[in-house]
Amino acid sequence: MESAVLLFTAAGSFGVFVFRGQTKYYFSLFLHILLIITASSWAFRALSAGGVMQFNLLEKIRLFLSVNIDSLSAFFLSVISLTMLTGVLYANGYLKLYRQTRSDLQLSFHHLALLWLHISMILATTLRGGIAFLTAWELMAISSFGLVVFEVERREIFKIGLNYLLQIQTGFVLILVAFLASHSTHHAFGFDSLSAYFAQHEVWPVFLLLLIGFGSYAGFVPFHSWLPPTQLAAPSHVSGIMSGVLIQMGIYGILRVITYVHTELLTIGLIILAISLLSGIVGIRLAFTQHDGKKLLAYSSIANAGIIGIGIGSGLVGLAFGSPVLAALGFTGGILHLVNHSLSKSLLFYCVGSIYRATHTRNFEQLGGLIKTMPKTSTAFLVGTLAICGLPPFNGFISEFLIYSGLLKGLRLETASLNLIIWTIIGGLSVIAGLTLFGFLKVFETVFLGTPYSEPVGQAKEVTDDMMMPKVMAGLGILAVGVFPAFFLRLTGKVTALFVNDLSPLNEVTSSLIYSEIAGTILVGLILLVLWNRAQKPLRMNYHQPNSFRKPHREHWYG
């Protein structure tokens, strides 16, 4: 059955060249839904049964692909399914204008690339054999390249796409070299060769190759230069998918490699922490020097990759020092933050796309007062903002609370070297959180409150329901994680169990999490009340002149 669905969708994907107009979209949506049902079924079965679910694909044509689905694969299959669902639904409304300016052939290639991106991500998270995995990884790169260069007639777009493809290929080569190095002393090729290789050799050289290879896909600094221009060039639904799940595939690769590591945990943890802290601080610092909304969100994605890495690195340090609480809460917080970032960042990209549709600009300095003319999008953007800032009762608060709790509880060991590491992490994480809170609230004020920059902005219209529904779905997901954290902690704990044996700290932190969330929700409610009062002021159409800002916002924020 599994083989039949994948074969049908892979072969059927070329059917987009047969259909025309809106029928083309609905046919591709049907295939995406088949993939989502299949992947969700695999994830549910793997998480329910525990252990590893194994079967062979393509047996009927004697092409055996061994599929292995454990809790980590199941977790990512769930994230892929959710993000692809909202992204494909959002594409229907976003592509309406393109249907008037793009040929039927161009739209067919776009839908084909989107389908193959979906297929390749499913395969990349379930295949362990080296050749099969690398093939899926390469298909993922090529299909995403096709999505980025949707407006290929613009030379700058093609150059951005080519730069993206070349940098991703560099990471691919490093992964290949690491697999070949582990294969040179063992017969297996791919992930399965790593466990035996790491047991008999120094871990960090090959791990570093894999970290850079997968980390370049995740957008870690200093391997991030492809990410902001690529997000800028891609259509907004593609940007939401890329930020929500595609770059998270790099995190999947890193986590998968860590499952085979049992020595040199401190060295590896410190390397990940160093790269993650650098990514978090540099990413959020650069985010709020951008005028374009999509570039701002792209740099923020780099910062959030840093937060995920901080959780993973903290977990490894906890394992190295024998601190189960730091290990369990660090890994769980980092892994849960991956889901939170997927929901909130895809939502924000969809909002920016809606703003662009209504105002024909993504320059946040040329907006203002949109809460009056686009109230639904304003509400959705506010939900995404509060989530990305880690404020209760939204999802970002849960994951960041877990990471902070693990760090503070880790201080109880009273080990000087561990305490130094923990305080360094807390300091860096606090800088990232502070800049994120200040910056995103300032962005919301600039874009949605105050006075419209120009008459077209003041006359902007709310987008249609087909562009609102995916935002509602993402927003409900954000609230679900924030309001019902216990369920998602149990789900994430099944992934954490691959790395940590003692999960009791997750049960112990639940009560303190609830009290903190209640107190934080009251505080956030007061902030929202202030914003609401400001928004109720009459909208005056005395538009800003082009030179009415004395300082660019980057100077206003940073001096």
Protein backbone atom coordinates (compact mmCIF):
# COMPACT_ATOMS: atom_id res chain seq x y z
CA MET A 1 0.00 0.00 0.00
CA GLU A 2 2.79 2.42 0.96
CA SER A 3 4.63 1.76 -2.29
CA ALA A 4 1.44 2.19 -4.31
CA VAL A 5 0.74 5.65 -2.91
CA LEU A 6 4.29 6.90 -3.42
CA LEU A 7 4.49 5.46 -6.94
CA PHE A 8 1.11 6.96 -7.79
CA THR A 9 2.03 10.43 -6.53
CA ALA A 10 5.48 10.35 -8.12
CA ALA A 11 4.12 9.28 -11.50
CA GLY A 12 0.94 11.29 -11.12
CA SER A 13 2.88 14.48 -10.38
CA PHE A 14 3.52 14.81 -14.12
CA GLY A 15 -0.22 14.99 -14.60
CA VAL A 16 -0.02 18.69 -13.75
CA PHE A 17 1.08 19.19 -17.36
CA VAL A 18 -2.21 17.70 -18.55
CA PHE A 19 -4.62 19.85 -16.56
CA ARG A 20 -5.18 23.55 -17.09
CA GLY A 21 -6.27 26.53 -15.02
CA GLN A 22 -7.61 25.98 -11.53
CA THR A 23 -7.96 22.24 -12.19
CA LYS A 24 -4.16 21.99 -12.22
CA TYR A 25 -4.00 23.30 -8.64
CA TYR A 26 -6.76 21.01 -7.37
CA PHE A 27 -5.10 17.97 -8.94
CA SER A 28 -1.78 18.81 -7.25
CA LEU A 29 -3.64 19.45 -3.97
CA PHE A 30 -5.18 15.97 -4.24
CA LEU A 31 -1.70 14.43 -4.60
CA HIS A 32 -0.36 16.47 -1.67
CA ILE A 33 -3.25 15.25 0.50
CA LEU A 34 -2.44 11.65 -0.43
CA LEU A 35 1.17 12.24 0.66
CA ILE A 36 0.02 13.90 3.90
CA ILE A 37 -2.32 11.01 4.73
CA THR A 38 0.42 8.46 4.01
CA ALA A 39 3.12 10.28 6.01
CA SER A 40 0.74 10.96 8.91
CA SER A 41 -0.25 7.29 8.96
CA TRP A 42 3.40 6.25 9.15
CA ALA A 43 4.06 8.76 11.92
CA PHE A 44 1.04 7.67 13.96
CA ARG A 45 1.88 3.98 13.66
CA ALA A 46 5.51 4.53 14.61
CA LEU A 47 4.72 6.73 17.61
CA SER A 48 1.95 4.41 18.83
CA ALA A 49 3.92 1.19 18.54
CA GLY A 50 7.27 2.54 19.72
CA GLY A 51 10.56 1.20 18.45
CA VAL A 52 11.31 1.27 14.72
CA MET A 53 8.81 0.55 11.97
CA GLN A 54 10.53 -1.11 9.00
CA PHE A 55 9.37 -2.09 5.53
CA ASN A 56 10.58 -2.07 1.93
CA LEU A 57 9.36 0.28 -0.75
CA LEU A 58 9.10 -0.58 -4.45
CA GLU A 59 9.34 -4.36 -3.95
CA LYS A 60 7.05 -4.95 -6.91
CA ILE A 61 9.61 -3.51 -9.33
CA ARG A 62 12.55 -5.16 -7.54
CA LEU A 63 13.94 -1.82 -6.38
CA PHE A 64 14.23 -2.35 -2.62
CA LEU A 65 14.31 0.81 -0.52
CA SER A 66 14.50 0.03 3.19
CA VAL A 67 12.32 2.43 5.16
CA ASN A 68 13.04 2.89 8.88
CA ILE A 69 10.68 5.08 10.87
CA ASP A 70 11.50 5.74 14.52
CA SER A 71 10.16 8.53 16.74
CA LEU A 72 12.54 11.09 15.19
CA SER A 73 11.40 10.25 11.65
CA ALA A 74 7.76 10.23 12.78
CA PHE A 75 8.16 13.62 14.43
CA PHE A 76 9.56 15.19 11.26
CA LEU A 77 6.94 13.50 9.08
CA SER A 78 4.33 15.27 11.22
CA VAL A 79 6.04 18.65 10.82
CA ILE A 80 6.39 18.11 7.06
CA SER A 81 2.71 17.20 6.72
CA LEU A 82 1.43 20.19 8.68
CA THR A 83 3.65 22.76 6.98
CA MET A 84 3.04 21.40 3.48
CA LEU A 85 -0.71 21.45 4.10
CA THR A 86 -0.81 25.12 5.09
CA GLY A 87 1.71 26.09 2.39
CA VAL A 88 -0.13 24.37 -0.45
CA LEU A 89 -3.48 25.80 0.69
CA TYR A 90 -1.98 29.30 0.88
CA ALA A 91 -0.56 28.88 -2.63
CA ASN A 92 -4.07 28.76 -4.10
CA GLY A 93 -4.79 32.38 -3.23
CA TYR A 94 -1.24 33.65 -3.62
CA LEU A 95 -0.85 32.29 -7.17
CA LYS A 96 -4.08 33.87 -8.48
CA LEU A 97 -2.31 36.88 -9.97
CA TYR A 98 0.47 34.68 -11.34
CA ARG A 99 -2.13 32.68 -13.28
CA GLN A 100 -2.76 35.83 -15.30
CA THR A 101 0.91 36.56 -16.00
CA ARG A 102 2.55 33.11 -16.13
CA SER A 103 2.19 30.53 -18.85
CA ASP A 104 0.46 27.24 -18.17
CA LEU A 105 3.82 25.48 -18.58
CA GLN A 106 5.50 27.65 -15.92
CA LEU A 107 2.74 26.94 -13.42
CA SER A 108 2.97 23.22 -14.21
CA PHE A 109 6.68 23.17 -13.43
CA HIS A 110 6.00 25.04 -10.18
CA HIS A 111 3.42 22.50 -9.01
CA LEU A 112 5.69 19.64 -10.10
CA ALA A 113 8.59 21.05 -8.06
CA LEU A 114 6.33 21.49 -5.02
CA LEU A 115 5.17 17.88 -5.24
CA TRP A 116 8.69 16.52 -5.59
CA LEU A 117 9.89 18.65 -2.68
CA HIS A 118 7.15 17.02 -0.59
CA ILE A 119 8.08 13.51 -1.77
CA SER A 120 11.82 14.03 -1.27
CA MET A 121 11.43 15.35 2.28
CA ILE A 122 9.35 12.30 3.22
CA LEU A 123 12.00 10.00 1.75
CA ALA A 124 14.91 11.89 3.35
CA THR A 125 13.46 11.38 6.83
CA THR A 126 12.74 7.68 6.37
CA LEU A 127 15.68 6.29 4.34
CA ARG A 128 18.93 5.40 6.12
CA GLY A 129 20.94 3.81 3.30
CA GLY A 130 23.60 6.17 1.98
CA ILE A 131 22.75 6.11 -1.73
CA ALA A 132 18.98 6.27 -1.16
CA PHE A 133 19.27 9.06 1.41
CA LEU A 134 21.67 11.15 -0.70
CA THR A 135 19.41 10.73 -3.73
CA ALA A 136 16.43 12.00 -1.73
CA TRP A 137 18.56 14.85 -0.36
CA GLU A 138 19.60 15.84 -3.89
CA LEU A 139 16.01 15.70 -5.13
CA MET A 140 15.11 18.00 -2.25
CA ALA A 141 17.76 20.52 -3.35
CA ILE A 142 16.81 20.44 -7.04
CA SER A 143 13.06 20.72 -6.45
CA SER A 144 13.49 23.61 -3.99
CA PHE A 145 15.76 25.34 -6.54
CA GLY A 146 12.93 25.07 -9.06
CA LEU A 147 10.57 26.72 -6.57
CA VAL A 148 12.97 29.56 -5.77
CA VAL A 149 13.46 30.52 -9.45
CA PHE A 150 9.72 30.69 -10.17
CA GLU A 151 10.30 34.15 -11.68
CA VAL A 152 13.28 32.87 -13.66
CA GLU A 153 12.94 35.58 -16.31
CA ARG A 154 14.35 38.03 -13.77
CA ARG A 155 18.12 37.68 -13.91
CA GLU A 156 18.68 38.49 -10.24
CA ILE A 157 16.24 35.74 -9.22
CA PHE A 158 18.10 33.16 -11.29
CA LYS A 159 21.45 34.27 -9.80
CA ILE A 160 20.02 33.93 -6.28
CA GLY A 161 18.70 30.47 -7.09
CA LEU A 162 22.02 29.40 -8.60
CA ASN A 163 23.91 30.63 -5.54
CA TYR A 164 21.49 28.68 -3.34
CA LEU A 165 22.00 25.51 -5.35
CA LEU A 166 25.80 25.81 -5.33
CA GLN A 167 25.99 26.36 -1.57
CA ILE A 168 23.62 23.49 -0.87
CA GLN A 169 25.74 21.27 -3.12
CA THR A 170 28.78 22.15 -1.02
CA GLY A 171 26.98 20.80 2.03
CA PHE A 172 25.97 17.73 0.04
CA VAL A 173 29.62 17.04 -0.83
CA LEU A 174 30.64 17.28 2.84
CA ILE A 175 27.95 14.77 3.82
CA LEU A 176 29.13 12.46 1.03
CA VAL A 177 32.76 12.75 2.18
CA ALA A 178 31.73 11.90 5.75
CA PHE A 179 29.80 8.84 4.58
CA LEU A 180 32.77 7.74 2.46
CA ALA A 181 35.13 8.18 5.42
CA SER A 182 32.98 5.97 7.64
CA HIS A 183 32.53 3.48 4.77
CA SER A 184 36.31 3.16 4.26
CA THR A 185 36.64 1.04 7.41
CA HIS A 186 33.16 -0.53 7.44
CA HIS A 187 31.09 -2.23 4.76
CA ALA A 188 27.93 -0.20 5.33
CA PHE A 189 27.42 3.15 3.59
CA GLY A 190 25.31 5.91 5.08
CA PHE A 191 23.94 6.46 8.56
CA ASP A 192 24.23 2.80 9.50
CA SER A 193 28.03 2.95 9.18
CA LEU A 194 28.37 5.81 11.66
CA SER A 195 27.73 3.89 14.88
CA ALA A 196 30.57 1.40 14.32
CA TYR A 197 32.87 4.09 12.97
CA PHE A 198 32.33 6.43 15.94
CA ALA A 199 32.90 3.54 18.36
CA GLN A 200 36.40 2.90 16.96
CA HIS A 201 37.60 6.34 15.85
CA GLU A 202 37.69 9.93 17.01
CA VAL A 203 34.20 11.31 16.64
CA TRP A 204 34.70 15.02 16.08
CA PRO A 205 36.41 15.10 12.61
CA VAL A 206 33.65 13.21 10.77
CA PHE A 207 30.96 14.76 12.96
CA LEU A 208 32.25 18.23 12.06
CA LEU A 209 31.92 17.41 8.35
CA LEU A 210 28.34 16.28 8.91
CA LEU A 211 27.57 19.27 11.14
CA ILE A 212 28.71 21.71 8.47
CA GLY A 213 26.98 19.74 5.71
CA PHE A 214 23.63 19.61 7.49
CA GLY A 215 24.15 22.93 9.29
CA SER A 216 24.50 24.78 5.99
CA TYR A 217 21.00 23.57 5.12
CA ALA A 218 19.71 24.73 8.51
CA GLY A 219 21.16 28.21 7.96
CA PHE A 220 23.68 28.20 10.80
CA VAL A 221 26.19 31.06 10.80
CA PRO A 222 28.64 31.25 9.01
CA PHE A 223 26.98 29.01 6.40
CA HIS A 224 23.86 31.14 6.11
CA SER A 225 24.53 33.57 3.27
CA TRP A 226 22.20 31.76 0.84
CA LEU A 227 19.15 31.93 3.10
CA PRO A 228 18.00 35.61 3.19
CA PRO A 229 18.20 36.27 -0.58
CA THR A 230 16.58 32.90 -1.31
CA GLN A 231 13.64 33.68 0.97
CA LEU A 232 13.35 37.09 -0.68
CA ALA A 233 13.29 35.61 -4.20
CA ALA A 234 10.80 32.80 -3.55
CA PRO A 235 7.00 33.24 -3.59
CA SER A 236 5.59 33.68 -0.08
CA HIS A 237 4.08 30.19 0.17
CA VAL A 238 7.48 28.74 -0.78
CA SER A 239 9.20 31.00 1.78
CA GLY A 240 6.81 29.73 4.44
CA ILE A 241 7.55 26.11 3.53
CA MET A 242 11.31 26.71 3.34
CA SER A 243 11.47 28.41 6.72
CA GLY A 244 8.84 26.17 8.31
CA VAL A 245 10.26 22.79 7.33
CA LEU A 246 12.89 22.73 4.57
CA ILE A 247 15.68 24.32 6.61
CA GLN A 248 14.60 22.12 9.53
CA MET A 249 15.72 19.14 7.48
CA GLY A 250 19.26 20.22 8.34
CA ILE A 251 18.33 19.89 12.02
CA TYR A 252 16.96 16.43 11.26
CA GLY A 253 20.32 15.42 9.80
CA ILE A 254 22.21 16.68 12.85
CA LEU A 255 19.86 14.90 15.26
CA ARG A 256 20.05 11.70 13.24
CA VAL A 257 23.86 11.76 13.41
CA ILE A 258 23.77 12.39 17.19
CA THR A 259 21.77 9.18 17.68
CA TYR A 260 24.93 7.30 16.65
CA VAL A 261 27.29 9.25 18.94
CA HIS A 262 28.12 7.84 22.38
CA THR A 263 31.53 9.40 23.12
CA GLU A 264 33.06 12.89 23.06
CA LEU A 265 29.65 14.31 23.94
CA LEU A 266 31.11 17.38 25.64
CA THR A 267 33.26 18.31 22.64
CA ILE A 268 30.37 17.90 20.24
CA GLY A 269 27.98 19.75 22.55
CA LEU A 270 30.33 22.71 22.87
CA ILE A 271 30.83 22.89 19.10
CA ILE A 272 27.07 22.94 18.53
CA LEU A 273 26.59 25.53 21.29
CA ALA A 274 29.26 27.83 19.84
CA ILE A 275 27.72 27.75 16.35
CA SER A 276 24.20 28.07 17.75
CA LEU A 277 24.94 31.05 19.99
CA LEU A 278 26.72 32.77 17.11
CA SER A 279 23.79 32.05 14.79
CA GLY A 280 21.22 33.25 17.31
CA ILE A 281 22.91 36.55 18.13
CA VAL A 282 24.07 37.39 14.59
CA GLY A 283 20.75 36.33 13.06
CA ILE A 284 18.52 38.42 15.32
CA ARG A 285 20.93 41.37 15.21
CA LEU A 286 20.84 41.42 11.41
CA ALA A 287 17.09 40.77 11.27
CA PHE A 288 16.14 44.19 12.54
CA THR A 289 18.46 46.08 10.22
CA GLN A 290 16.33 44.94 7.26
CA HIS A 291 13.64 46.99 5.55
CA ASP A 292 12.13 44.09 3.61
CA GLY A 293 9.78 41.94 5.68
CA LYS A 294 10.85 38.64 4.10
CA LYS A 295 14.54 39.31 4.69
CA LEU A 296 13.76 40.22 8.29
CA LEU A 297 11.97 36.91 8.77
CA ALA A 298 14.78 35.02 7.02
CA TYR A 299 17.40 36.35 9.44
CA SER A 300 15.02 35.61 12.29
CA SER A 301 14.88 32.01 11.03
CA ILE A 302 18.66 31.86 11.42
CA ALA A 303 18.28 33.07 15.00
CA ASN A 304 15.66 30.42 15.73
CA ALA A 305 17.87 27.72 14.26
CA GLY A 306 20.35 28.96 16.86
CA ILE A 307 17.80 28.50 19.66
CA ILE A 308 17.08 24.95 18.48
CA GLY A 309 20.81 24.27 18.42
CA ILE A 310 21.21 25.74 21.92
CA GLY A 311 18.66 23.24 23.21
CA ILE A 312 20.42 20.33 21.48
CA GLY A 313 23.87 21.48 22.60
CA SER A 314 22.65 21.93 26.18
CA GLY A 315 21.27 18.40 26.11
CA LEU A 316 24.63 17.01 24.99
CA VAL A 317 26.46 18.96 27.70
CA GLY A 318 23.97 17.59 30.24
CA LEU A 319 24.72 14.04 29.10
CA ALA A 320 28.46 14.69 29.31
CA PHE A 321 28.24 16.00 32.90
CA GLY A 322 25.70 13.42 34.06
CA SER A 323 22.86 15.92 34.50
CA PRO A 324 19.64 14.19 33.38
CA VAL A 325 17.56 17.31 33.98
CA LEU A 326 19.74 19.47 31.70
CA ALA A 327 19.86 16.70 29.10
CA ALA A 328 16.11 15.97 29.07
CA LEU A 329 14.90 19.58 29.17
CA GLY A 330 17.56 20.77 26.72
CA PHE A 331 16.76 18.19 24.05
CA THR A 332 13.00 18.47 24.57
CA GLY A 333 13.07 22.27 24.47
CA GLY A 334 15.17 22.33 21.32
CA ILE A 335 13.08 19.73 19.51
CA LEU A 336 9.78 21.35 20.54
CA HIS A 337 11.10 24.74 19.43
CA LEU A 338 11.48 23.26 15.96
CA VAL A 339 7.70 22.72 15.82
CA ASN A 340 7.04 26.14 17.30
CA HIS A 341 9.28 27.85 14.77
CA SER A 342 7.66 25.92 11.93
CA LEU A 343 4.20 27.13 12.92
CA SER A 344 5.01 30.73 13.80
CA LYS A 345 7.46 31.49 10.99
CA SER A 346 5.29 30.01 8.24
CA LEU A 347 2.39 32.07 9.64
CA LEU A 348 4.47 35.26 9.53
CA PHE A 349 5.61 34.60 5.96
CA TYR A 350 1.98 34.08 4.91
CA CYS A 351 1.12 37.40 6.58
CA VAL A 352 3.91 39.23 4.76
CA GLY A 353 2.69 37.71 1.50
CA SER A 354 -0.82 38.97 2.23
CA ILE A 355 0.49 42.44 3.02
CA TYR A 356 2.40 42.45 -0.26
CA ARG A 357 -0.72 41.42 -2.15
CA ALA A 358 -2.71 44.27 -0.57
CA THR A 359 -0.10 47.07 -0.63
CA HIS A 360 2.43 45.96 -3.31
CA THR A 361 5.32 46.52 -0.92
CA ARG A 362 7.25 44.47 1.64
CA ASN A 363 9.14 47.49 2.94
CA PHE A 364 7.93 47.79 6.52
CA GLU A 365 8.92 51.45 6.65
CA GLN A 366 6.38 52.21 3.93
CA LEU A 367 3.45 50.73 5.83
CA GLY A 368 1.40 51.68 8.90
CA GLY A 369 -2.16 51.61 10.18
CA LEU A 370 -2.94 48.23 8.62
CA ILE A 371 -4.80 47.04 11.70
CA LYS A 372 -7.73 49.16 10.49
CA THR A 373 -7.77 47.99 6.89
CA MET A 374 -6.45 44.41 7.32
CA PRO A 375 -7.68 43.38 10.81
CA LYS A 376 -7.56 39.60 10.17
CA THR A 377 -4.01 39.65 8.87
CA SER A 378 -3.05 42.01 11.71
CA THR A 379 -4.40 39.55 14.28
CA ALA A 380 -2.58 36.66 12.62
CA PHE A 381 0.68 38.62 12.54
CA LEU A 382 0.26 39.51 16.22
CA VAL A 383 -0.21 35.83 17.12
CA GLY A 384 2.94 34.94 15.16
CA THR A 385 4.82 37.81 16.79
CA LEU A 386 3.90 36.82 20.34
CA ALA A 387 4.74 33.19 19.55
CA ILE A 388 8.15 33.99 18.07
CA CYS A 389 8.88 36.24 21.06
CA GLY A 390 8.27 33.33 23.43
CA LEU A 391 5.35 34.92 25.27
CA PRO A 392 2.54 32.91 26.91
CA PRO A 393 0.06 31.44 26.21
CA PHE A 394 1.66 30.80 22.83
CA ASN A 395 3.92 27.94 21.82
CA GLY A 396 7.30 29.69 21.86
CA PHE A 397 7.01 30.18 25.61
CA ILE A 398 6.86 26.42 26.24
CA SER A 399 10.06 25.48 24.42
CA GLU A 400 12.10 28.41 25.72
CA PHE A 401 10.83 27.78 29.26
CA LEU A 402 12.07 24.18 29.02
CA ILE A 403 15.53 25.26 27.86
CA TYR A 404 15.84 27.92 30.58
CA SER A 405 14.56 25.51 33.24
CA GLY A 406 17.07 22.87 32.24
CA LEU A 407 19.91 25.37 32.38
CA LEU A 408 18.93 26.74 35.79
CA LYS A 409 18.39 23.29 37.26
CA GLY A 410 21.73 22.21 35.82
CA LEU A 411 23.44 24.72 38.11
CA ARG A 412 22.58 22.47 41.06
CA LEU A 413 25.52 20.20 40.23
CA GLU A 414 27.81 23.01 41.42
CA THR A 415 30.52 22.06 38.94
CA ALA A 416 32.60 25.12 38.09
CA SER A 417 33.15 24.27 34.43
CA LEU A 418 29.50 23.34 33.90
CA ASN A 419 28.32 26.50 35.65
CA LEU A 420 30.53 28.61 33.38
CA ILE A 421 29.05 26.93 30.31
CA ILE A 422 25.49 27.34 31.60
CA TRP A 423 25.85 31.02 32.46
CA THR A 424 27.34 31.67 29.02
CA ILE A 425 24.36 29.95 27.41
CA ILE A 426 21.88 31.86 29.58
CA GLY A 427 23.56 35.14 28.71
CA GLY A 428 23.49 34.46 24.98
CA LEU A 429 19.94 33.15 25.03
CA SER A 430 18.79 36.21 26.99
CA VAL A 431 20.32 38.53 24.40
CA ILE A 432 18.53 36.67 21.61
CA ALA A 433 15.21 36.70 23.48
CA GLY A 434 15.50 40.39 24.39
CA LEU A 435 16.29 41.54 20.86
CA THR A 436 13.51 39.34 19.47
CA LEU A 437 10.91 40.78 21.85
CA PHE A 438 11.91 44.39 21.30
CA GLY A 439 12.34 44.05 17.54
CA PHE A 440 9.14 42.20 16.68
CA LEU A 441 6.94 44.39 18.86
CA LYS A 442 8.48 47.41 17.17
CA VAL A 443 7.78 45.87 13.77
CA PHE A 444 4.15 45.29 14.72
CA GLU A 445 3.82 48.88 15.87
CA THR A 446 5.40 50.20 12.67
CA VAL A 447 3.36 48.09 10.26
CA PHE A 448 -0.06 47.85 11.88
CA LEU A 449 -0.41 50.83 14.23
CA GLY A 450 0.13 54.53 13.65
CA THR A 451 -0.49 56.33 10.37
CA PRO A 452 -0.42 54.87 6.86
CA TYR A 453 2.68 55.81 4.91
CA SER A 454 0.78 56.54 1.70
CA GLU A 455 -2.72 56.59 0.24
CA PRO A 456 -2.46 53.08 -1.33
CA VAL A 457 -1.47 51.68 2.07
CA GLY A 458 -4.38 53.46 3.73
CA GLN A 459 -6.76 51.95 1.19
CA ALA A 460 -5.44 48.38 1.44
CA LYS A 461 -8.05 45.61 1.44
CA GLU A 462 -8.06 42.40 3.45
CA VAL A 463 -7.04 39.30 1.50
CA THR A 464 -9.51 36.61 0.51
CA ASP A 465 -10.49 33.65 2.68
CA ASP A 466 -8.33 31.18 0.74
CA MET A 467 -5.27 33.12 1.96
CA MET A 468 -6.68 33.49 5.48
CA MET A 469 -7.55 29.84 6.18
CA PRO A 470 -3.91 28.60 6.26
CA LYS A 471 -3.06 31.42 8.67
CA VAL A 472 -5.94 30.40 10.92
CA MET A 473 -4.70 26.79 10.86
CA ALA A 474 -1.16 27.81 11.79
CA GLY A 475 -2.49 30.14 14.50
CA LEU A 476 -4.60 27.36 16.00
CA GLY A 477 -1.53 25.13 16.03
CA ILE A 478 0.38 27.82 17.89
CA LEU A 479 -2.36 28.10 20.51
CA ALA A 480 -2.72 24.32 20.80
CA VAL A 481 0.92 23.88 21.80
CA GLY A 482 0.72 26.80 24.21
CA VAL A 483 -2.56 25.85 25.88
CA PHE A 484 -2.11 22.06 25.93
CA PRO A 485 1.63 21.66 26.50
CA ALA A 486 1.37 18.32 28.33
CA PHE A 487 0.27 16.46 25.19
CA PHE A 488 3.06 17.92 23.08
CA LEU A 489 5.62 17.28 25.82
CA ARG A 490 4.67 13.60 25.78
CA LEU A 491 4.97 13.54 22.00
CA THR A 492 8.33 15.33 22.00
CA GLY A 493 9.50 13.17 24.90
CA LYS A 494 9.32 10.12 22.63
CA VAL A 495 11.95 11.78 20.42
CA THR A 496 14.03 12.84 23.42
CA ALA A 497 14.06 9.20 24.56
CA LEU A 498 16.40 8.45 21.64
CA PHE A 499 19.05 10.57 23.37
CA VAL A 500 18.18 10.52 27.09
CA ASN A 501 17.20 7.56 29.27
CA ASP A 502 15.73 9.49 32.22
CA LEU A 503 12.67 11.54 31.20
CA SER A 504 11.39 12.16 34.74
CA PRO A 505 12.44 15.86 34.62
CA LEU A 506 9.71 16.42 32.01
CA ASN A 507 7.06 15.36 34.53
CA GLU A 508 8.58 17.48 37.29
CA VAL A 509 8.65 20.67 35.19
CA THR A 510 4.96 20.50 34.18
CA SER A 511 3.55 22.10 37.35
CA SER A 512 5.99 25.02 37.37
CA LEU A 513 5.31 25.47 33.65
CA ILE A 514 1.59 25.89 34.28
CA TYR A 515 2.05 28.54 37.01
CA SER A 516 4.58 30.45 34.92
CA GLU A 517 2.26 30.36 31.92
CA ILE A 518 -0.66 31.74 33.92
CA ALA A 519 1.43 34.62 35.29
CA GLY A 520 2.92 35.34 31.89
CA THR A 521 -0.47 35.28 30.19
CA ILE A 522 -1.74 37.98 32.56
CA LEU A 523 1.26 40.15 31.71
CA VAL A 524 0.83 39.61 27.97
CA GLY A 525 -2.86 40.40 28.33
CA LEU A 526 -1.98 43.79 29.77
CA ILE A 527 0.38 44.46 26.86
CA LEU A 528 -2.32 43.51 24.36
CA LEU A 529 -4.77 45.81 26.13
CA VAL A 530 -2.41 48.73 25.61
CA LEU A 531 -2.00 47.83 21.92
CA TRP A 532 -5.77 47.50 21.53
CA ASN A 533 -6.36 50.96 23.01
CA ARG A 534 -3.84 52.42 20.58
CA ALA A 535 -5.50 50.65 17.68
CA GLN A 536 -8.92 52.11 18.58
CA LYS A 537 -7.75 55.65 17.83
CA PRO A 538 -9.35 57.04 14.65
CA LEU A 539 -7.29 56.41 11.51
CA ARG A 540 -6.24 59.80 10.14
CA MET A 541 -5.32 59.86 6.47
CA ASN A 542 -2.53 62.44 6.80
CA TYR A 543 -0.01 60.25 5.02
CA HIS A 544 3.71 60.41 5.57
CA GLN A 545 5.76 62.05 2.89
CA PRO A 546 8.64 60.07 1.34
CA ASN A 547 11.19 61.88 3.50
CA SER A 548 9.11 62.15 6.65
CA PHE A 549 11.22 59.67 8.62
CA ARG A 550 14.19 61.48 10.07
CA LYS A 551 16.02 58.22 10.68
CA PRO A 552 15.74 54.79 9.14
CA HIS A 553 14.30 52.30 11.64
CA ARG A 554 17.62 50.47 11.83
CA GLU A 555 19.12 53.66 13.31
CA HIS A 556 16.09 54.15 15.54
CA TRP A 557 16.53 50.66 16.97
CA TYR A 558 20.30 50.46 17.19
CA GLY A 559 21.55 54.04 17.17
